[in-house]
Amino acid sequence: WLEAVIIVGHVPPGYTFEFESVSVNNLAVYRAETLGAMLNVCRLYLLWWLYTDWMLYDLPNRHTVSHFAKVNFGSMFALKRALNSWNAFGHILGFWGILIVVFGYFYRSFEMTSCQLVGSTHPGRD
């Protein structure tokens, strides 16, 4: 059910509100669109299942081998296989790059208050 909550959550078109946060006499106002966009970025975890299937795709008879050897060909096996190859540095670099972009977006969203936007209707804007 947690996955359904993450995937279904959207801000309806034409609907907006502003959320206020005060910390050490600093007013920060966030719009519903910013919070909704940050929630939607959390859906990037769905790429993990695509990556896992891609790492295990070229194994012949993987279900039969998994059953006979009693080895779970899940996420941990895919990660071990990715890091035990010549492309391990590329996998780590790609993962690190995705983390930098996502956390940079979150940081930028938290730092920019909607008081700086022209359409802000918050009373403490000035």
Foldseek 3Di string as FASTA:
>chain_A
DVVCCLVVDADDPPDKDWDWDADPNDIFIAMPNLVRVLSNVVVCVVVLVVQLCVLCVPDPPVVVCCVVVVPDSDSVVSLVSCCPDPCNVVVVVVVVVVVCVSVVSVVVNRVDGCLPPPPDPDPVSD
